[in-house]
Amino acid sequence: MWLGMNPKVVIVDEPTKGIDVGARSEIYNILRQLASTGVGVIVISSELVDILSISDRILVMRTGELVASLNNDEANEKNIIEYATGVRK
C-alpha cells in the first residue's frame, strides 16, 4: 500500500527480522527495484548480511554518532564491527 504513494524516500527498520530466506530475497529485490527507479532507500539493520547484501553506502554509528561512511566495495563484516565497537576510528 505505501509503495502506491510513490515515495521519494523509504526507510525500513530491520526489514528481514524473523523471516525465512526466500522472503528475505524478495525484500532485497523490492528494495533494489525501488532504488533503481530513483527512490532513496534507507535500511536500518543489525544484520550485517542485510547491510552488505543490499547497500551501496554504509553508515556506521556508535553511541549515537556517525563514525564511518563506507562504500559497499570497501565494507566487510570485520571493518564494520571495528568501527561500531570503537576498535577502528
N, C-alpha and C. Protein backbone atom coordinates (compact mmCIF):
# COMPACT_ATOMS: atom_id res chain seq x y z
N MET A 1 0.81 -1.19 0.00
CA MET A 1 0.00 0.00 0.00
C MET A 1 0.86 1.27 0.00
N TRP A 2 1.86 1.34 0.87
CA TRP A 2 2.69 2.53 0.95
C TRP A 2 3.51 2.75 -0.30
N LEU A 3 3.80 1.69 -1.05
CA LEU A 3 4.55 1.87 -2.30
C LEU A 3 3.71 2.55 -3.37
N GLY A 4 2.40 2.43 -3.27
CA GLY A 4 1.50 3.07 -4.21
C GLY A 4 1.44 4.58 -4.06
N MET A 5 2.05 5.10 -3.01
CA MET A 5 2.06 6.54 -2.76
C MET A 5 3.22 7.23 -3.49
N ASN A 6 4.03 6.48 -4.23
CA ASN A 6 5.18 7.00 -4.96
C ASN A 6 6.12 7.81 -4.06
N PRO A 7 6.67 7.17 -3.04
CA PRO A 7 7.54 7.90 -2.11
C PRO A 7 8.86 8.29 -2.77
N LYS A 8 9.49 9.35 -2.24
CA LYS A 8 10.82 9.75 -2.69
C LYS A 8 11.89 9.06 -1.86
N VAL A 9 11.54 8.74 -0.61
CA VAL A 9 12.45 8.06 0.31
C VAL A 9 11.66 7.01 1.07
N VAL A 10 12.26 5.83 1.24
CA VAL A 10 11.66 4.77 2.04
C VAL A 10 12.68 4.39 3.12
N ILE A 11 12.22 4.35 4.36
CA ILE A 11 13.07 3.93 5.47
C ILE A 11 12.51 2.62 6.00
N VAL A 12 13.35 1.59 6.01
CA VAL A 12 12.93 0.29 6.55
C VAL A 12 13.83 -0.08 7.72
N ASP A 13 13.23 -0.47 8.82
CA ASP A 13 13.94 -0.81 10.05
C ASP A 13 13.83 -2.30 10.28
N GLU A 14 14.97 -2.99 10.26
CA GLU A 14 15.03 -4.45 10.44
C GLU A 14 14.06 -5.15 9.48
N PRO A 15 14.19 -4.92 8.17
CA PRO A 15 13.20 -5.44 7.21
C PRO A 15 13.15 -6.96 7.10
N THR A 16 14.19 -7.66 7.52
CA THR A 16 14.19 -9.12 7.36
C THR A 16 14.16 -9.87 8.69
N LYS A 17 13.92 -9.17 9.77
CA LYS A 17 13.93 -9.81 11.08
C LYS A 17 12.81 -10.85 11.18
N GLY A 18 13.19 -12.07 11.49
CA GLY A 18 12.23 -13.14 11.73
C GLY A 18 11.60 -13.75 10.50
N ILE A 19 12.18 -13.54 9.33
CA ILE A 19 11.60 -14.13 8.12
C ILE A 19 12.55 -15.14 7.51
N ASP A 20 12.01 -15.99 6.62
CA ASP A 20 12.83 -17.04 6.02
C ASP A 20 13.65 -16.50 4.85
N VAL A 21 14.55 -17.33 4.35
CA VAL A 21 15.50 -16.93 3.31
C VAL A 21 14.78 -16.49 2.03
N GLY A 22 13.73 -17.18 1.64
CA GLY A 22 13.00 -16.82 0.42
C GLY A 22 12.37 -15.44 0.53
N ALA A 23 11.77 -15.16 1.66
CA ALA A 23 11.15 -13.84 1.87
C ALA A 23 12.23 -12.76 1.94
N ARG A 24 13.36 -13.09 2.52
CA ARG A 24 14.48 -12.14 2.60
C ARG A 24 14.92 -11.73 1.20
N SER A 25 15.05 -12.70 0.32
CA SER A 25 15.45 -12.42 -1.06
C SER A 25 14.41 -11.53 -1.75
N GLU A 26 13.15 -11.78 -1.51
CA GLU A 26 12.09 -10.97 -2.12
C GLU A 26 12.15 -9.53 -1.61
N ILE A 27 12.40 -9.35 -0.33
CA ILE A 27 12.53 -7.99 0.22
C ILE A 27 13.73 -7.28 -0.41
N TYR A 28 14.86 -7.98 -0.54
CA TYR A 28 16.03 -7.39 -1.21
C TYR A 28 15.66 -6.94 -2.61
N ASN A 29 14.94 -7.78 -3.35
CA ASN A 29 14.56 -7.44 -4.73
C ASN A 29 13.67 -6.21 -4.78
N ILE A 30 12.71 -6.12 -3.87
CA ILE A 30 11.82 -4.96 -3.83
C ILE A 30 12.61 -3.69 -3.54
N LEU A 31 13.52 -3.75 -2.56
CA LEU A 31 14.32 -2.57 -2.22
C LEU A 31 15.23 -2.16 -3.36
N ARG A 32 15.84 -3.14 -4.04
CA ARG A 32 16.69 -2.82 -5.19
C ARG A 32 15.88 -2.20 -6.33
N GLN A 33 14.69 -2.74 -6.55
CA GLN A 33 13.82 -2.20 -7.60
C GLN A 33 13.44 -0.76 -7.29
N LEU A 34 13.09 -0.48 -6.05
CA LEU A 34 12.78 0.89 -5.66
C LEU A 34 13.96 1.81 -5.92
N ALA A 35 15.14 1.40 -5.49
CA ALA A 35 16.34 2.22 -5.67
C ALA A 35 16.63 2.46 -7.15
N SER A 36 16.39 1.46 -7.98
CA SER A 36 16.67 1.60 -9.41
C SER A 36 15.73 2.60 -10.09
N THR A 37 14.60 2.91 -9.45
CA THR A 37 13.67 3.89 -10.01
C THR A 37 13.91 5.29 -9.44
N GLY A 38 14.95 5.43 -8.62
CA GLY A 38 15.29 6.74 -8.08
C GLY A 38 14.80 7.00 -6.67
N VAL A 39 14.12 6.04 -6.07
CA VAL A 39 13.67 6.19 -4.69
C VAL A 39 14.87 6.01 -3.76
N GLY A 40 15.03 6.92 -2.81
CA GLY A 40 16.07 6.76 -1.80
C GLY A 40 15.64 5.69 -0.81
N VAL A 41 16.49 4.72 -0.58
CA VAL A 41 16.16 3.62 0.34
C VAL A 41 17.15 3.63 1.49
N ILE A 42 16.64 3.79 2.70
CA ILE A 42 17.47 3.75 3.90
C ILE A 42 17.11 2.48 4.66
N VAL A 43 18.10 1.62 4.85
CA VAL A 43 17.90 0.35 5.55
C VAL A 43 18.60 0.44 6.91
N ILE A 44 17.85 0.22 7.97
CA ILE A 44 18.41 0.16 9.31
C ILE A 44 18.36 -1.30 9.73
N SER A 45 19.51 -1.87 10.03
CA SER A 45 19.52 -3.29 10.37
C SER A 45 20.72 -3.63 11.24
N SER A 46 20.49 -4.56 12.15
CA SER A 46 21.58 -5.10 12.95
C SER A 46 22.16 -6.35 12.29
N GLU A 47 21.56 -6.77 11.18
CA GLU A 47 22.02 -7.94 10.45
C GLU A 47 23.04 -7.51 9.40
N LEU A 48 24.29 -7.84 9.63
CA LEU A 48 25.33 -7.43 8.67
C LEU A 48 25.12 -8.03 7.29
N VAL A 49 24.56 -9.23 7.22
CA VAL A 49 24.31 -9.83 5.91
C VAL A 49 23.33 -8.96 5.11
N ASP A 50 22.33 -8.38 5.79
CA ASP A 50 21.41 -7.48 5.10
C ASP A 50 22.15 -6.25 4.60
N ILE A 51 22.91 -5.64 5.47
CA ILE A 51 23.62 -4.42 5.13
C ILE A 51 24.57 -4.65 3.95
N LEU A 52 25.35 -5.71 4.00
CA LEU A 52 26.32 -5.97 2.95
C LEU A 52 25.66 -6.42 1.65
N SER A 53 24.49 -7.03 1.73
CA SER A 53 23.80 -7.53 0.54
C SER A 53 23.07 -6.45 -0.23
N ILE A 54 22.58 -5.44 0.45
CA ILE A 54 21.66 -4.50 -0.19
C ILE A 54 22.23 -3.10 -0.37
N SER A 55 23.24 -2.73 0.39
CA SER A 55 23.66 -1.33 0.46
C SER A 55 24.68 -0.92 -0.59
N ASP A 56 24.53 0.31 -1.07
CA ASP A 56 25.56 0.94 -1.91
C ASP A 56 26.55 1.67 -1.01
N ARG A 57 26.01 2.28 0.06
CA ARG A 57 26.84 3.00 1.01
C ARG A 57 26.37 2.63 2.41
N ILE A 58 27.33 2.47 3.32
CA ILE A 58 27.04 2.02 4.67
C ILE A 58 27.54 3.08 5.66
N LEU A 59 26.64 3.55 6.49
CA LEU A 59 26.99 4.49 7.55
C LEU A 59 26.99 3.72 8.86
N VAL A 60 28.08 3.81 9.59
CA VAL A 60 28.21 3.09 10.86
C VAL A 60 28.11 4.09 11.99
N MET A 61 27.24 3.77 12.96
CA MET A 61 27.07 4.65 14.11
C MET A 61 27.48 3.92 15.39
N ARG A 62 28.02 4.71 16.32
CA ARG A 62 28.37 4.19 17.64
C ARG A 62 28.00 5.26 18.65
N THR A 63 27.31 4.85 19.69
CA THR A 63 26.84 5.75 20.75
C THR A 63 26.18 7.01 20.18
N GLY A 64 25.34 6.82 19.15
CA GLY A 64 24.58 7.91 18.59
C GLY A 64 25.32 8.84 17.65
N GLU A 65 26.56 8.51 17.33
CA GLU A 65 27.35 9.36 16.43
C GLU A 65 27.82 8.57 15.21
N LEU A 66 27.87 9.27 14.09
CA LEU A 66 28.38 8.68 12.86
C LEU A 66 29.89 8.52 12.98
N VAL A 67 30.38 7.28 12.82
CA VAL A 67 31.82 7.03 12.95
C VAL A 67 32.47 6.59 11.64
N ALA A 68 31.67 6.20 10.65
CA ALA A 68 32.25 5.77 9.37
C ALA A 68 31.22 5.85 8.26
N SER A 69 31.69 6.17 7.08
CA SER A 69 30.89 6.12 5.87
C SER A 69 31.69 5.30 4.86
N LEU A 70 31.14 4.15 4.48
CA LEU A 70 31.87 3.20 3.63
C LEU A 70 31.08 2.91 2.36
N ASN A 71 31.76 2.86 1.23
CA ASN A 71 31.14 2.34 0.02
C ASN A 71 31.07 0.82 0.16
N ASN A 72 30.12 0.22 -0.53
CA ASN A 72 29.95 -1.23 -0.41
C ASN A 72 31.21 -2.00 -0.75
N ASP A 73 31.99 -1.53 -1.73
CA ASP A 73 33.18 -2.26 -2.13
C ASP A 73 34.30 -2.21 -1.10
N GLU A 74 34.26 -1.28 -0.16
CA GLU A 74 35.27 -1.23 0.89
C GLU A 74 34.76 -1.76 2.24
N ALA A 75 33.50 -2.15 2.28
CA ALA A 75 32.90 -2.62 3.53
C ALA A 75 32.96 -4.15 3.62
N ASN A 76 33.22 -4.61 4.82
CA ASN A 76 33.11 -6.04 5.13
C ASN A 76 32.74 -6.15 6.61
N GLU A 77 32.39 -7.35 7.04
CA GLU A 77 31.95 -7.54 8.42
C GLU A 77 32.99 -7.06 9.42
N LYS A 78 34.25 -7.37 9.15
CA LYS A 78 35.32 -7.03 10.09
C LYS A 78 35.43 -5.52 10.30
N ASN A 79 35.52 -4.74 9.22
CA ASN A 79 35.71 -3.31 9.44
C ASN A 79 34.44 -2.62 9.95
N ILE A 80 33.26 -3.10 9.60
CA ILE A 80 32.03 -2.54 10.16
C ILE A 80 32.00 -2.77 11.67
N ILE A 81 32.32 -3.97 12.11
CA ILE A 81 32.34 -4.28 13.54
C ILE A 81 33.40 -3.46 14.26
N GLU A 82 34.56 -3.30 13.64
CA GLU A 82 35.62 -2.50 14.26
C GLU A 82 35.19 -1.05 14.44
N TYR A 83 34.53 -0.47 13.45
CA TYR A 83 34.04 0.91 13.59
C TYR A 83 32.93 0.97 14.66
N ALA A 84 32.02 0.02 14.62
CA ALA A 84 30.88 0.03 15.54
C ALA A 84 31.31 -0.14 17.00
N THR A 85 32.40 -0.85 17.22
CA THR A 85 32.85 -1.10 18.59
C THR A 85 33.94 -0.13 19.05
N GLY A 86 34.44 0.69 18.14
CA GLY A 86 35.47 1.65 18.51
C GLY A 86 36.89 1.16 18.36
N VAL A 87 37.07 -0.06 17.85
CA VAL A 87 38.42 -0.59 17.62
C VAL A 87 39.10 0.22 16.53
N ARG A 88 38.35 0.58 15.50
CA ARG A 88 38.88 1.38 14.38
C ARG A 88 38.22 2.76 14.45
N LYS A 89 39.01 3.78 14.21
CA LYS A 89 38.47 5.14 14.25
C LYS A 89 38.79 5.89 12.99
